[in-house]
Amino acid sequence: MRTLGMVLLSVVVLLPSAIGQTALDPALEAQLRQVFPAATAFSPKQSGPPHFIAYTGDAASRTVAGYVFWTTDLEPLERGYDGPIKMLVGMDTRAVITGVLVTGHREPYGYFSVDLPEFARQFPGKDIRDPFRVGQDVDAVSRATITITSSSRAIRNGARRVARALLTPPETGQ
């Protein structure tokens, strides 16, 4: 009887992850929705490169709408003034940023640079082929250029890495 109980417990615990159907933490799902508001559902974290899949449609007819990733997963060596800046980034299947959410940093001047809502609001709608250069297409904040430059580079490079791995290049028209 004890062996049967252990087998059943193992099945209950291991089966969801074996078939790839684990439930997302509600706090994480809320963050995913912030950076990809058009999505109706998200996958558990995938590998190669680490990402979440954003879906639209109902459970019977889901369509991949894009991807969400942590910058620290894809660009772990990218650092601000005082360490990594952890951001969640959404990108649709056309390689356009859907949202950015700064979730953690140790920047001494973060409260007026990456913490400002204006920092994250400048990225939705930005094509990943844009330069992401501070002072050109990314707003600069005085005394926080290391933080802003590093954060912008992490968003750009992470999105480009996800795009290379998961998106089909657009037709060139030739």
C-alpha atoms as a PDB file:
ATOM      1  CA  MET A   1       0.000   0.000   0.000  1.00  0.00           C
ATOM      2  CA  ARG A   2       2.836   2.380   0.857  1.00  0.00           C
ATOM      3  CA  THR A   3       4.505   1.722  -2.528  1.00  0.00           C
ATOM      4  CA  LEU A   4       1.246   2.479  -4.348  1.00  0.00           C
ATOM      5  CA  GLY A   5       0.981   5.769  -2.459  1.00  0.00           C
ATOM      6  CA  MET A   6       4.534   6.729  -3.432  1.00  0.00           C
ATOM      7  CA  VAL A   7       3.852   5.883  -7.085  1.00  0.00           C
ATOM      8  CA  LEU A   8       0.677   7.975  -7.113  1.00  0.00           C
ATOM      9  CA  LEU A   9       2.445  10.869  -5.420  1.00  0.00           C
ATOM     10  CA  SER A  10       5.246  10.677  -7.983  1.00  0.00           C
ATOM     11  CA  VAL A  11       2.751  10.713 -10.856  1.00  0.00           C
ATOM     12  CA  VAL A  12       0.904  13.713  -9.438  1.00  0.00           C
ATOM     13  CA  VAL A  13       4.128  15.651  -8.886  1.00  0.00           C
ATOM     14  CA  LEU A  14       6.061  14.682 -12.039  1.00  0.00           C
ATOM     15  CA  LEU A  15       3.354  14.265 -14.691  1.00  0.00           C
ATOM     16  CA  PRO A  16       2.600  17.966 -15.234  1.00  0.00           C
ATOM     17  CA  SER A  17       6.236  18.809 -15.902  1.00  0.00           C
ATOM     18  CA  ALA A  18       6.727  15.675 -18.016  1.00  0.00           C
ATOM     19  CA  ILE A  19       3.984  16.790 -20.392  1.00  0.00           C
ATOM     20  CA  GLY A  20       4.994  20.462 -20.196  1.00  0.00           C
ATOM     21  CA  GLN A  21       1.821  21.653 -18.518  1.00  0.00           C
ATOM     22  CA  THR A  22       2.929  23.389 -15.346  1.00  0.00           C
ATOM     23  CA  ALA A  23       0.915  26.285 -14.012  1.00  0.00           C
ATOM     24  CA  LEU A  24       2.626  29.648 -13.890  1.00  0.00           C
ATOM     25  CA  ASP A  25       3.039  31.473 -10.628  1.00  0.00           C
ATOM     26  CA  PRO A  26       0.248  34.120 -10.511  1.00  0.00           C
ATOM     27  CA  ALA A  27       2.741  36.939  -9.808  1.00  0.00           C
ATOM     28  CA  LEU A  28       4.881  35.914 -12.782  1.00  0.00           C
ATOM     29  CA  GLU A  29       1.822  35.615 -15.008  1.00  0.00           C
ATOM     30  CA  ALA A  30       0.777  39.148 -14.019  1.00  0.00           C
ATOM     31  CA  GLN A  31       4.239  40.408 -15.017  1.00  0.00           C
ATOM     32  CA  LEU A  32       4.063  38.523 -18.329  1.00  0.00           C
ATOM     33  CA  ARG A  33       0.705  40.173 -19.043  1.00  0.00           C
ATOM     34  CA  GLN A  34       2.224  43.590 -18.354  1.00  0.00           C
ATOM     35  CA  VAL A  35       4.826  43.144 -21.093  1.00  0.00           C
ATOM     36  CA  PHE A  36       2.531  41.277 -23.509  1.00  0.00           C
ATOM     37  CA  PRO A  37      -0.988  42.642 -22.869  1.00  0.00           C
ATOM     38  CA  ALA A  38      -2.497  41.133 -26.041  1.00  0.00           C
ATOM     39  CA  ALA A  39      -1.700  37.576 -24.927  1.00  0.00           C
ATOM     40  CA  THR A  40      -4.421  35.310 -23.579  1.00  0.00           C
ATOM     41  CA  ALA A  41      -2.051  32.642 -22.228  1.00  0.00           C
ATOM     42  CA  PHE A  42       1.632  31.916 -21.648  1.00  0.00           C
ATOM     43  CA  SER A  43       3.704  28.762 -21.732  1.00  0.00           C
ATOM     44  CA  PRO A  44       5.938  27.662 -18.905  1.00  0.00           C
ATOM     45  CA  LYS A  45       9.542  28.779 -19.361  1.00  0.00           C
ATOM     46  CA  GLN A  46      11.123  27.169 -22.428  1.00  0.00           C
ATOM     47  CA  SER A  47      14.786  26.574 -23.180  1.00  0.00           C
ATOM     48  CA  GLY A  48      17.122  27.464 -26.032  1.00  0.00           C
ATOM     49  CA  PRO A  49      17.142  30.499 -25.471  1.00  0.00           C
ATOM     50  CA  PRO A  50      15.168  30.772 -22.204  1.00  0.00           C
ATOM     51  CA  HIS A  51      11.760  32.316 -22.967  1.00  0.00           C
ATOM     52  CA  PHE A  52       8.011  32.125 -22.447  1.00  0.00           C
ATOM     53  CA  ILE A  53       5.639  31.771 -25.401  1.00  0.00           C
ATOM     54  CA  ALA A  54       2.791  34.301 -25.546  1.00  0.00           C
ATOM     55  CA  TYR A  55      -0.422  32.987 -27.128  1.00  0.00           C
ATOM     56  CA  THR A  56      -3.604  34.603 -28.393  1.00  0.00           C
ATOM     57  CA  GLY A  57      -6.933  32.876 -28.877  1.00  0.00           C
ATOM     58  CA  ASP A  58      -8.750  30.400 -26.679  1.00  0.00           C
ATOM     59  CA  ALA A  59      -7.464  27.011 -25.506  1.00  0.00           C
ATOM     60  CA  ALA A  60      -8.862  25.263 -28.598  1.00  0.00           C
ATOM     61  CA  SER A  61      -7.277  27.590 -31.140  1.00  0.00           C
ATOM     62  CA  ARG A  62      -4.145  29.143 -29.675  1.00  0.00           C
ATOM     63  CA  THR A  63      -1.760  31.036 -31.913  1.00  0.00           C
ATOM     64  CA  VAL A  64       1.789  32.041 -31.057  1.00  0.00           C
ATOM     65  CA  ALA A  65       1.742  35.827 -30.705  1.00  0.00           C
ATOM     66  CA  GLY A  66       5.327  36.275 -29.547  1.00  0.00           C
ATOM     67  CA  TYR A  67       7.828  35.668 -26.800  1.00  0.00           C
ATOM     68  CA  VAL A  68       8.786  37.030 -23.395  1.00  0.00           C
ATOM     69  CA  PHE A  69      12.236  36.759 -21.852  1.00  0.00           C
ATOM     70  CA  TRP A  70      14.333  37.894 -18.912  1.00  0.00           C
ATOM     71  CA  THR A  71      17.277  40.052 -19.966  1.00  0.00           C
ATOM     72  CA  THR A  72      19.387  38.481 -17.220  1.00  0.00           C
ATOM     73  CA  ASP A  73      18.818  35.015 -18.738  1.00  0.00           C
ATOM     74  CA  LEU A  74      19.944  36.099 -22.196  1.00  0.00           C
ATOM     75  CA  GLU A  75      22.504  38.792 -21.429  1.00  0.00           C
ATOM     76  CA  PRO A  76      23.899  37.829 -18.000  1.00  0.00           C
ATOM     77  CA  LEU A  77      27.106  39.826 -18.428  1.00  0.00           C
ATOM     78  CA  GLU A  78      25.289  43.075 -19.269  1.00  0.00           C
ATOM     79  CA  ARG A  79      25.507  45.262 -16.199  1.00  0.00           C
ATOM     80  CA  GLY A  80      24.497  48.688 -15.052  1.00  0.00           C
ATOM     81  CA  TYR A  81      26.539  50.858 -12.711  1.00  0.00           C
ATOM     82  CA  ASP A  82      26.107  48.487  -9.739  1.00  0.00           C
ATOM     83  CA  GLY A  83      25.209  45.085 -11.199  1.00  0.00           C
ATOM     84  CA  PRO A  84      22.639  43.416 -13.441  1.00  0.00           C
ATOM     85  CA  ILE A  85      19.321  45.053 -14.245  1.00  0.00           C
ATOM     86  CA  LYS A  86      16.601  42.409 -14.361  1.00  0.00           C
ATOM     87  CA  MET A  87      13.967  43.204 -16.976  1.00  0.00           C
ATOM     88  CA  LEU A  88      11.150  41.235 -18.540  1.00  0.00           C
ATOM     89  CA  VAL A  89      10.743  41.966 -22.265  1.00  0.00           C
ATOM     90  CA  GLY A  90       7.915  41.032 -24.635  1.00  0.00           C
ATOM     91  CA  MET A  91       8.361  40.771 -28.409  1.00  0.00           C
ATOM     92  CA  ASP A  92       5.775  39.876 -31.054  1.00  0.00           C
ATOM     93  CA  THR A  93       6.332  37.641 -34.089  1.00  0.00           C
ATOM     94  CA  ARG A  94       7.178  40.688 -36.239  1.00  0.00           C
ATOM     95  CA  ALA A  95      10.185  41.446 -33.973  1.00  0.00           C
ATOM     96  CA  VAL A  96       8.521  44.458 -32.351  1.00  0.00           C
ATOM     97  CA  ILE A  97       8.809  45.064 -28.600  1.00  0.00           C
ATOM     98  CA  THR A  98       5.431  44.771 -26.837  1.00  0.00           C
ATOM     99  CA  GLY A  99       6.573  45.831 -23.389  1.00  0.00           C
ATOM    100  CA  VAL A 100       9.389  46.163 -20.875  1.00  0.00           C
ATOM    101  CA  LEU A 101       9.187  45.769 -17.112  1.00  0.00           C
ATOM    102  CA  VAL A 102      12.123  46.494 -14.797  1.00  0.00           C
ATOM    103  CA  THR A 103      11.815  44.002 -11.935  1.00  0.00           C
ATOM    104  CA  GLY A 104      15.106  44.375 -10.095  1.00  0.00           C
ATOM    105  CA  HIS A 105      18.355  46.307  -9.865  1.00  0.00           C
ATOM    106  CA  ARG A 106      20.810  47.754  -7.355  1.00  0.00           C
ATOM    107  CA  GLU A 107      21.428  51.030  -9.151  1.00  0.00           C
ATOM    108  CA  PRO A 108      22.100  53.963  -6.835  1.00  0.00           C
ATOM    109  CA  TYR A 109      20.298  56.277  -9.267  1.00  0.00           C
ATOM    110  CA  GLY A 110      17.648  53.828 -10.491  1.00  0.00           C
ATOM    111  CA  TYR A 111      14.822  55.837  -8.992  1.00  0.00           C
ATOM    112  CA  PHE A 112      15.274  58.489 -11.691  1.00  0.00           C
ATOM    113  CA  SER A 113      16.499  56.322 -14.566  1.00  0.00           C
ATOM    114  CA  VAL A 114      15.251  52.772 -15.110  1.00  0.00           C
ATOM    115  CA  ASP A 115      12.575  52.948 -12.400  1.00  0.00           C
ATOM    116  CA  LEU A 116      10.767  55.788 -14.114  1.00  0.00           C
ATOM    117  CA  PRO A 117       7.696  54.696 -16.092  1.00  0.00           C
ATOM    118  CA  GLU A 118       9.039  56.747 -19.012  1.00  0.00           C
ATOM    119  CA  PHE A 119      12.023  54.404 -19.375  1.00  0.00           C
ATOM    120  CA  ALA A 120       9.897  51.305 -20.022  1.00  0.00           C
ATOM    121  CA  ARG A 121       7.258  53.221 -22.039  1.00  0.00           C
ATOM    122  CA  GLN A 122       9.751  54.178 -24.757  1.00  0.00           C
ATOM    123  CA  PHE A 123      10.247  50.571 -25.932  1.00  0.00           C
ATOM    124  CA  PRO A 124       6.794  49.205 -26.937  1.00  0.00           C
ATOM    125  CA  GLY A 125       6.446  49.538 -30.706  1.00  0.00           C
ATOM    126  CA  LYS A 126      10.226  49.651 -31.212  1.00  0.00           C
ATOM    127  CA  ASP A 127      11.535  47.298 -33.897  1.00  0.00           C
ATOM    128  CA  ILE A 128      14.482  45.193 -32.737  1.00  0.00           C
ATOM    129  CA  ARG A 129      16.390  46.272 -35.854  1.00  0.00           C
ATOM    130  CA  ASP A 130      16.449  49.841 -34.489  1.00  0.00           C
ATOM    131  CA  PRO A 131      19.827  50.944 -33.069  1.00  0.00           C
ATOM    132  CA  PHE A 132      18.707  51.353 -29.400  1.00  0.00           C
ATOM    133  CA  ARG A 133      21.288  54.134 -28.941  1.00  0.00           C
ATOM    134  CA  VAL A 134      21.047  56.411 -25.925  1.00  0.00           C
ATOM    135  CA  GLY A 135      20.567  59.991 -27.035  1.00  0.00           C
ATOM    136  CA  GLN A 136      19.316  58.929 -30.490  1.00  0.00           C
ATOM    137  CA  ASP A 137      16.326  56.591 -30.246  1.00  0.00           C
ATOM    138  CA  VAL A 138      16.492  55.949 -26.470  1.00  0.00           C
ATOM    139  CA  ASP A 139      16.063  58.859 -24.064  1.00  0.00           C
ATOM    140  CA  ALA A 140      19.091  59.690 -21.949  1.00  0.00           C
ATOM    141  CA  VAL A 141      19.016  60.555 -18.275  1.00  0.00           C
ATOM    142  CA  SER A 142      21.897  62.611 -16.913  1.00  0.00           C
ATOM    143  CA  ARG A 143      24.057  60.857 -14.303  1.00  0.00           C
ATOM    144  CA  ALA A 144      22.569  57.472 -15.317  1.00  0.00           C
ATOM    145  CA  THR A 145      24.062  56.866 -18.749  1.00  0.00           C
ATOM    146  CA  ILE A 146      25.789  53.610 -17.748  1.00  0.00           C
ATOM    147  CA  THR A 147      22.488  52.228 -16.450  1.00  0.00           C
ATOM    148  CA  ILE A 148      20.409  53.408 -19.412  1.00  0.00           C
ATOM    149  CA  THR A 149      22.982  52.279 -21.993  1.00  0.00           C
ATOM    150  CA  SER A 150      23.370  48.839 -20.431  1.00  0.00           C
ATOM    151  CA  SER A 151      19.613  48.361 -20.052  1.00  0.00           C
ATOM    152  CA  SER A 152      18.943  49.364 -23.650  1.00  0.00           C
ATOM    153  CA  ARG A 153      21.695  47.068 -24.908  1.00  0.00           C
ATOM    154  CA  ALA A 154      20.321  44.146 -22.855  1.00  0.00           C
ATOM    155  CA  ILE A 155      16.838  44.668 -24.310  1.00  0.00           C
ATOM    156  CA  ARG A 156      18.162  44.966 -27.887  1.00  0.00           C
ATOM    157  CA  ASN A 157      20.638  42.085 -27.739  1.00  0.00           C
ATOM    158  CA  GLY A 158      18.252  39.772 -25.877  1.00  0.00           C
ATOM    159  CA  ALA A 159      15.447  40.463 -28.359  1.00  0.00           C
ATOM    160  CA  ARG A 160      17.746  39.911 -31.316  1.00  0.00           C
ATOM    161  CA  ARG A 161      18.942  36.627 -29.847  1.00  0.00           C
ATOM    162  CA  VAL A 162      15.349  35.408 -29.363  1.00  0.00           C
ATOM    163  CA  ALA A 163      14.455  36.545 -32.876  1.00  0.00           C
ATOM    164  CA  ARG A 164      17.401  34.684 -34.450  1.00  0.00           C
ATOM    165  CA  ALA A 165      16.423  31.499 -32.634  1.00  0.00           C
ATOM    166  CA  LEU A 166      12.630  31.615 -32.878  1.00  0.00           C
ATOM    167  CA  LEU A 167      11.417  33.907 -35.663  1.00  0.00           C
ATOM    168  CA  THR A 168      11.386  33.346 -39.392  1.00  0.00           C
ATOM    169  CA  PRO A 169      13.196  36.194 -41.182  1.00  0.00           C
ATOM    170  CA  PRO A 170      10.888  38.453 -43.218  1.00  0.00           C
ATOM    171  CA  GLU A 171      10.795  38.065 -46.988  1.00  0.00           C
ATOM    172  CA  THR A 172      13.318  40.329 -48.696  1.00  0.00           C
ATOM    173  CA  GLY A 173      11.193  40.791 -51.807  1.00  0.00           C
ATOM    174  CA  GLN A 174      13.883  39.602 -54.251  1.00  0.00           C
END
